[in-house]
């Protein structure tokens, strides 16, 4: 009982959000992140470490299937909560804390997305779902993985179908769940966040992946509030001069990015130096270009590159089927947590 009450005070939260195809979707994600930070509720790194699964907005049929798949792997006591709008974030989290203190949900049922009337084919789109194929009967020489959409600091609603040789990405294809292949030309760069908040949103993800929690928290505060004059410039200079940050990102290439930003280090420094400068929003690639830039990188570096590029998932990426080698009749599925 004591442990249950302690867990209810600071539950680990796994957030599942659709691609922000509308300003309301984006506002909801930001409101949830800000409120979780205010309450000091940590983000869950995996379903196994989750107390609360928080579903944002209205998931489409494929993302709803991902929610059900993830929920099935969360150990009890647990809680599944939906946040329809930004105005309901605090009340939903208050209710979640109370219900979790009372024991949470001990069952294994999940009704999210049942209104669609069918179980959608996820195409392997779960949390780093790994399918191993042993082609020569001697060694596991390839790993075909669907990365996302429920990973920390990962673009909402995006899945990368990747082939791994060890930890190196040798092939990658992008998919955005429940978003058409294209929402029309001219939509890129129209984020309602504005230039500086967009840069801070990208920096928050990169810094979070690097484990620079204090810097990530500062970037998030500046993103979510109205900074005082000079605060953005000061923070940007601090990041641009941060030697550990530069060393951690300097050798990670960005293929297909802006010409002047050939590495993650150069991308991060450009984002930091532009803070408070009234410059145009940063360029954001399509999901497919961002996925292609992951090829040749070790998995951790590939995730940093993806976070730094911040692909515009509102453009969609079209349907992509999970890879299956010719003649493969069975597969063994594992979960990387």
Protein backbone atom coordinates (compact mmCIF):
# COMPACT_ATOMS: atom_id res chain seq x y z
CA UNK A 1 0.00 0.00 0.00
CA UNK A 2 2.85 2.40 0.86
CA UNK A 3 4.65 1.67 -2.41
CA UNK A 4 1.41 2.20 -4.33
CA UNK A 5 0.94 5.63 -2.77
CA UNK A 6 4.53 6.59 -3.51
CA UNK A 7 4.12 5.52 -7.14
CA UNK A 8 0.93 7.56 -7.42
CA UNK A 9 2.79 10.69 -6.34
CA UNK A 10 5.30 10.47 -9.19
CA UNK A 11 3.98 7.95 -11.72
CA UNK A 12 6.03 7.14 -14.80
CA UNK A 13 4.05 8.25 -17.83
CA UNK A 14 4.19 6.86 -21.35
CA UNK A 15 2.68 9.40 -23.75
CA UNK A 16 1.24 8.31 -27.10
CA UNK A 17 0.37 11.14 -29.48
CA UNK A 18 -0.74 11.29 -33.13
CA UNK A 19 1.12 13.34 -35.70
CA UNK A 20 0.24 17.03 -35.09
CA UNK A 21 -1.77 17.62 -38.26
CA UNK A 22 -3.60 20.53 -36.61
CA UNK A 23 -2.60 23.34 -34.23
CA UNK A 24 -4.84 21.75 -31.61
CA UNK A 25 -2.83 18.50 -31.73
CA UNK A 26 0.40 20.41 -31.24
CA UNK A 27 -1.03 22.55 -28.44
CA UNK A 28 -2.20 19.41 -26.65
CA UNK A 29 1.25 17.79 -26.78
CA UNK A 30 2.92 20.93 -25.44
CA UNK A 31 0.34 21.32 -22.68
CA UNK A 32 0.84 17.72 -21.56
CA UNK A 33 4.64 18.03 -21.57
CA UNK A 34 4.48 21.28 -19.59
CA UNK A 35 2.09 19.85 -17.00
CA UNK A 36 4.07 16.64 -16.56
CA UNK A 37 7.22 18.74 -16.04
CA UNK A 38 5.40 20.95 -13.50
CA UNK A 39 4.32 17.88 -11.52
CA UNK A 40 7.78 16.28 -11.95
CA UNK A 41 6.22 13.11 -13.30
CA UNK A 42 9.02 11.31 -15.19
CA UNK A 43 8.62 9.96 -18.69
CA UNK A 44 8.61 6.17 -18.88
CA UNK A 45 11.44 4.80 -21.04
CA UNK A 46 9.46 1.67 -21.92
CA UNK A 47 6.11 -0.09 -21.24
CA UNK A 48 7.77 -2.22 -18.56
CA UNK A 49 8.50 0.91 -16.51
CA UNK A 50 5.10 2.54 -17.07
CA UNK A 51 2.44 3.42 -14.52
CA UNK A 52 0.22 5.58 -16.74
CA UNK A 53 -0.34 5.30 -20.49
CA UNK A 54 -1.52 8.73 -21.63
CA UNK A 55 -3.24 8.86 -25.02
CA UNK A 56 -3.46 12.32 -26.57
CA UNK A 57 -6.22 13.53 -28.89
CA UNK A 58 -8.07 11.14 -31.16
CA UNK A 59 -5.82 8.34 -32.42
CA UNK A 60 -6.56 6.93 -35.86
CA UNK A 61 -7.09 3.19 -36.42
CA UNK A 62 -3.41 2.29 -36.80
CA UNK A 63 -2.22 4.33 -33.80
CA UNK A 64 -5.12 2.91 -31.78
CA UNK A 65 -3.81 -0.58 -32.51
CA UNK A 66 -0.37 0.53 -31.30
CA UNK A 67 -1.98 1.75 -28.07
CA UNK A 68 -3.60 -1.65 -27.54
CA UNK A 69 -0.33 -3.45 -28.27
CA UNK A 70 1.65 -1.28 -25.86
CA UNK A 71 -1.05 -1.50 -23.17
CA UNK A 72 -0.88 -5.31 -23.27
CA UNK A 73 2.78 -5.15 -22.18
CA UNK A 74 2.35 -2.70 -19.27
CA UNK A 75 2.46 -4.50 -15.90
CA UNK A 76 -0.28 -3.97 -13.32
CA UNK A 77 -1.11 -1.85 -11.42
CA UNK A 78 -1.46 0.52 -14.33
CA UNK A 79 -3.74 3.13 -15.78
CA UNK A 80 -4.87 4.09 -19.27
CA UNK A 81 -6.05 7.70 -19.60
CA UNK A 82 -7.15 9.78 -22.57
CA UNK A 83 -6.65 13.55 -22.88
CA UNK A 84 -8.99 14.92 -25.59
CA UNK A 85 -8.03 18.62 -25.39
CA UNK A 86 -5.43 20.91 -23.85
CA UNK A 87 -8.01 22.34 -21.45
CA UNK A 88 -8.54 18.94 -19.83
CA UNK A 89 -4.91 18.06 -19.11
CA UNK A 90 -4.86 18.94 -15.41
CA UNK A 91 -8.18 17.30 -14.58
CA UNK A 92 -7.20 14.08 -16.39
CA UNK A 93 -3.86 13.90 -14.58
CA UNK A 94 -5.50 14.63 -11.21
CA UNK A 95 -7.94 11.80 -11.82
CA UNK A 96 -5.13 9.50 -12.96
CA UNK A 97 -3.18 10.08 -9.75
CA UNK A 98 -6.26 9.37 -7.63
CA UNK A 99 -7.14 6.20 -9.54
CA UNK A 100 -3.56 4.94 -9.46
CA UNK A 101 -3.43 5.45 -5.70
CA UNK A 102 -6.55 3.31 -5.49
CA UNK A 103 -4.93 0.43 -7.31
CA UNK A 104 -5.12 1.40 -10.96
CA UNK A 105 -6.36 -1.06 -13.56
CA UNK A 106 -5.52 -4.70 -12.90
CA UNK A 107 -7.12 -5.97 -16.13
CA UNK A 108 -5.62 -6.54 -19.57
CA UNK A 109 -8.39 -5.03 -21.70
CA UNK A 110 -7.93 -1.90 -23.76
CA UNK A 111 -10.83 -0.31 -25.62
CA UNK A 112 -8.92 2.53 -27.27
CA UNK A 113 -9.81 2.68 -30.95
CA UNK A 114 -12.57 0.04 -30.80
CA UNK A 115 -14.88 2.62 -32.38
CA UNK A 116 -13.14 1.98 -35.69
CA UNK A 117 -14.77 -1.43 -35.80
CA UNK A 118 -11.65 -3.45 -36.62
CA UNK A 119 -8.12 -4.20 -35.53
CA UNK A 120 -5.89 -2.32 -37.92
CA UNK A 121 -2.77 -3.87 -39.37
CA UNK A 122 0.07 -2.06 -37.65
CA UNK A 123 2.69 -3.26 -40.11
CA UNK A 124 4.97 -3.91 -37.14
CA UNK A 125 4.50 -0.35 -35.86
CA UNK A 126 5.06 -0.80 -32.16
CA UNK A 127 7.74 0.20 -29.71
CA UNK A 128 10.90 -0.97 -31.44
CA UNK A 129 9.30 -4.24 -32.50
CA UNK A 130 12.13 -6.47 -33.70
CA UNK A 131 11.72 -9.40 -36.08
CA UNK A 132 14.80 -11.63 -36.40
CA UNK A 133 15.46 -13.73 -39.50
CA UNK A 134 18.22 -16.33 -39.68
CA UNK A 135 18.87 -16.71 -43.40
CA UNK A 136 21.90 -19.00 -43.37
CA UNK A 137 20.99 -21.12 -40.38
CA UNK A 138 24.20 -20.18 -38.62
CA UNK A 139 23.89 -16.60 -37.42
CA UNK A 140 21.32 -13.85 -37.04
CA UNK A 141 22.79 -11.54 -39.66
CA UNK A 142 19.95 -9.03 -40.05
CA UNK A 143 17.41 -7.39 -37.79
CA UNK A 144 14.33 -5.83 -39.34
CA UNK A 145 12.79 -3.34 -36.92
CA UNK A 146 9.83 -1.02 -36.81
CA UNK A 147 11.12 1.87 -34.69
CA UNK A 148 8.48 4.03 -33.08
CA UNK A 149 6.03 5.54 -32.73
CA UNK A 150 6.25 5.19 -28.93
CA UNK A 151 9.83 6.05 -28.08
CA UNK A 152 11.21 8.89 -25.93
CA UNK A 153 11.92 12.08 -27.90
CA UNK A 154 10.58 10.50 -31.10
CA UNK A 155 8.45 12.34 -33.72
CA UNK A 156 4.78 11.75 -32.90
CA UNK A 157 3.03 9.24 -35.13
CA UNK A 158 6.16 8.36 -37.13
CA UNK A 159 7.51 4.86 -37.73
CA UNK A 160 10.86 4.02 -39.33
CA UNK A 161 11.04 0.55 -40.87
CA UNK A 162 14.73 -0.19 -40.55
CA UNK A 163 17.18 -2.97 -41.27
CA UNK A 164 19.99 -3.25 -38.73
CA UNK A 165 23.36 -4.95 -38.98
CA UNK A 166 24.33 -5.08 -35.34
CA UNK A 167 23.45 -1.55 -34.19
CA UNK A 168 24.03 0.07 -37.60
CA UNK A 169 21.07 1.13 -39.73
CA UNK A 170 21.57 -0.29 -43.23
CA UNK A 171 18.13 0.58 -44.65
CA UNK A 172 15.31 2.83 -43.49
CA UNK A 173 11.87 3.76 -44.77
CA UNK A 174 9.46 6.21 -43.18
CA UNK A 175 5.78 5.90 -42.41
CA UNK A 176 3.42 8.29 -40.61
CA UNK A 177 0.47 6.51 -39.07
CA UNK A 178 -3.03 7.66 -40.06
CA UNK A 179 -1.74 10.61 -42.11
CA UNK A 180 -2.26 10.69 -45.92
CA UNK A 181 0.78 10.50 -48.16
CA UNK A 182 0.65 14.28 -48.56
CA UNK A 183 -1.44 17.13 -47.20
CA UNK A 184 -0.56 19.34 -50.13
CA UNK A 185 2.37 21.56 -51.16
CA UNK A 186 3.31 24.64 -49.21
CA UNK A 187 2.48 23.22 -45.79
CA UNK A 188 6.10 22.76 -44.74
CA UNK A 189 7.45 25.23 -42.20
CA UNK A 190 4.04 26.46 -41.09
CA UNK A 191 4.35 25.29 -37.53
CA UNK A 192 2.12 27.36 -35.24
CA UNK A 193 4.97 27.38 -32.73
CA UNK A 194 6.83 30.12 -34.55
CA UNK A 195 10.59 30.18 -35.27
CA UNK A 196 12.09 30.32 -31.76
CA UNK A 197 9.65 27.89 -30.14
CA UNK A 198 10.20 25.45 -33.01
CA UNK A 199 13.96 25.63 -32.41
CA UNK A 200 13.49 25.12 -28.69
CA UNK A 201 11.19 22.15 -29.31
CA UNK A 202 13.90 20.50 -31.45
CA UNK A 203 16.61 21.30 -28.90
CA UNK A 204 14.50 19.83 -26.10
CA UNK A 205 14.41 16.47 -27.90
CA UNK A 206 18.10 16.45 -28.77
CA UNK A 207 19.19 17.44 -25.27
CA UNK A 208 16.82 14.87 -23.77
CA UNK A 209 18.31 12.08 -25.88
CA UNK A 210 21.81 13.17 -24.84
CA UNK A 211 20.85 12.98 -21.17
CA UNK A 212 21.43 16.72 -20.66
CA UNK A 213 18.33 16.91 -18.49
CA UNK A 214 18.95 20.36 -16.99
CA UNK A 215 19.51 21.95 -20.39
CA UNK A 216 16.50 20.10 -21.82
CA UNK A 217 14.34 21.36 -18.94
CA UNK A 218 15.54 24.93 -19.51
CA UNK A 219 14.76 24.68 -23.24
CA UNK A 220 11.29 23.38 -22.41
CA UNK A 221 10.60 26.23 -19.98
CA UNK A 222 11.66 28.83 -22.55
CA UNK A 223 9.49 27.09 -25.16
CA UNK A 224 6.40 26.99 -22.96
CA UNK A 225 6.58 30.47 -21.42
CA UNK A 226 7.23 34.03 -22.52
CA UNK A 227 10.96 34.57 -21.95
CA UNK A 228 12.34 37.85 -20.70
CA UNK A 229 14.31 40.04 -23.15
CA UNK A 230 17.71 38.51 -23.77
CA UNK A 231 16.93 35.11 -22.23
CA UNK A 232 16.76 33.32 -25.58
CA UNK A 233 20.02 34.84 -26.80
CA UNK A 234 21.78 33.99 -23.55
CA UNK A 235 20.59 30.41 -23.61
CA UNK A 236 21.53 30.05 -27.26
CA UNK A 237 25.08 31.26 -26.61
CA UNK A 238 25.35 28.88 -23.67
CA UNK A 239 24.42 25.92 -25.87
CA UNK A 240 26.64 26.98 -28.78
CA UNK A 241 29.66 27.16 -26.45
CA UNK A 242 28.92 23.91 -24.60
CA UNK A 243 31.93 21.70 -25.35
CA UNK A 244 30.47 18.37 -24.10
CA UNK A 245 27.43 18.98 -26.31
CA UNK A 246 29.63 19.68 -29.32
CA UNK A 247 31.82 16.62 -28.70
CA UNK A 248 28.76 14.36 -28.39
CA UNK A 249 27.31 15.48 -31.73
CA UNK A 250 30.23 16.52 -33.94
CA UNK A 251 30.79 13.22 -35.78
CA UNK A 252 27.14 12.47 -36.60
CA UNK A 253 26.48 13.37 -40.27
CA UNK A 254 23.23 14.84 -41.57
CA UNK A 255 22.82 13.57 -45.12
CA UNK A 256 20.29 15.57 -47.10
CA UNK A 257 20.09 18.41 -44.59
CA UNK A 258 20.94 22.06 -45.17
CA UNK A 259 24.29 22.50 -46.92
CA UNK A 260 25.71 24.52 -44.04
CA UNK A 261 24.59 21.91 -41.48
CA UNK A 262 26.50 18.76 -42.36
CA UNK A 263 26.54 17.28 -38.85
CA UNK A 264 24.27 17.18 -35.83
CA UNK A 265 26.76 19.50 -34.11
CA UNK A 266 26.36 22.13 -36.83
CA UNK A 267 22.58 21.75 -36.79
CA UNK A 268 22.41 22.20 -33.00
CA UNK A 269 24.76 25.19 -33.07
CA UNK A 270 22.74 26.81 -35.87
CA UNK A 271 19.50 26.32 -33.91
CA UNK A 272 21.09 27.70 -30.74
CA UNK A 273 22.69 30.75 -32.37
CA UNK A 274 19.43 31.69 -34.10
CA UNK A 275 17.47 31.91 -30.85
CA UNK A 276 16.13 35.41 -30.29
CA UNK A 277 17.30 36.57 -33.70
CA UNK A 278 13.94 36.95 -35.49
CA UNK A 279 15.07 34.56 -38.22
CA UNK A 280 12.91 32.34 -40.40
CA UNK A 281 11.83 28.94 -39.03
CA UNK A 282 14.42 26.16 -39.38
CA UNK A 283 14.17 23.90 -42.42
CA UNK A 284 12.48 20.56 -41.70
CA UNK A 285 12.81 17.59 -44.05
CA UNK A 286 10.09 15.17 -45.10
CA UNK A 287 9.86 11.98 -43.02
CA UNK A 288 11.28 9.93 -45.90
CA UNK A 289 14.37 12.17 -46.27
CA UNK A 290 14.91 12.08 -42.52
CA UNK A 291 14.73 8.28 -42.50
CA UNK A 292 17.23 8.06 -45.36
CA UNK A 293 19.64 10.22 -43.35
CA UNK A 294 19.67 7.53 -40.64
CA UNK A 295 21.27 4.97 -42.98
CA UNK A 296 24.87 4.18 -42.07
CA UNK A 297 24.54 5.43 -38.49
CA UNK A 298 24.64 3.50 -35.24
CA UNK A 299 21.14 3.36 -33.75
CA UNK A 300 21.79 5.89 -30.99
CA UNK A 301 23.36 8.35 -33.44
CA UNK A 302 20.50 7.75 -35.88
CA UNK A 303 17.98 8.74 -33.23
CA UNK A 304 19.94 11.92 -32.50
CA UNK A 305 20.04 12.76 -36.20
CA UNK A 306 16.28 12.21 -36.50
CA UNK A 307 15.57 14.41 -33.48
CA UNK A 308 17.83 17.18 -34.81
CA UNK A 309 16.18 17.14 -38.25
CA UNK A 310 12.65 17.20 -36.76
CA UNK A 311 10.84 15.82 -39.84
CA UNK A 312 7.56 17.46 -40.79
CA UNK A 313 5.22 14.52 -40.18
CA UNK A 314 2.18 16.53 -41.29
CA UNK A 315 3.33 15.81 -44.85
CA UNK A 316 2.80 12.09 -44.32
CA UNK A 317 4.96 9.40 -45.87
CA UNK A 318 2.51 7.00 -47.49
CA UNK A 319 1.85 3.38 -46.47
CA UNK A 320 4.90 1.19 -45.91
CA UNK A 321 4.73 -2.53 -45.27
CA UNK A 322 7.06 -4.21 -42.81
CA UNK A 323 9.98 -5.99 -44.44
CA UNK A 324 9.72 -9.77 -44.91
CA UNK A 325 12.52 -11.65 -46.70
CA UNK A 326 11.46 -13.91 -49.59
CA UNK A 327 10.64 -17.44 -48.50
CA UNK A 328 10.33 -16.54 -44.83
CA UNK A 329 7.34 -18.40 -43.43
CA UNK A 330 7.75 -17.72 -39.75
CA UNK A 331 9.18 -14.97 -37.64
CA UNK A 332 10.12 -14.50 -34.04
CA UNK A 333 9.16 -11.15 -32.54
CA UNK A 334 11.06 -9.56 -29.68
CA UNK A 335 10.62 -6.25 -27.91
CA UNK A 336 13.52 -3.92 -27.22
CA UNK A 337 12.76 -1.89 -24.10
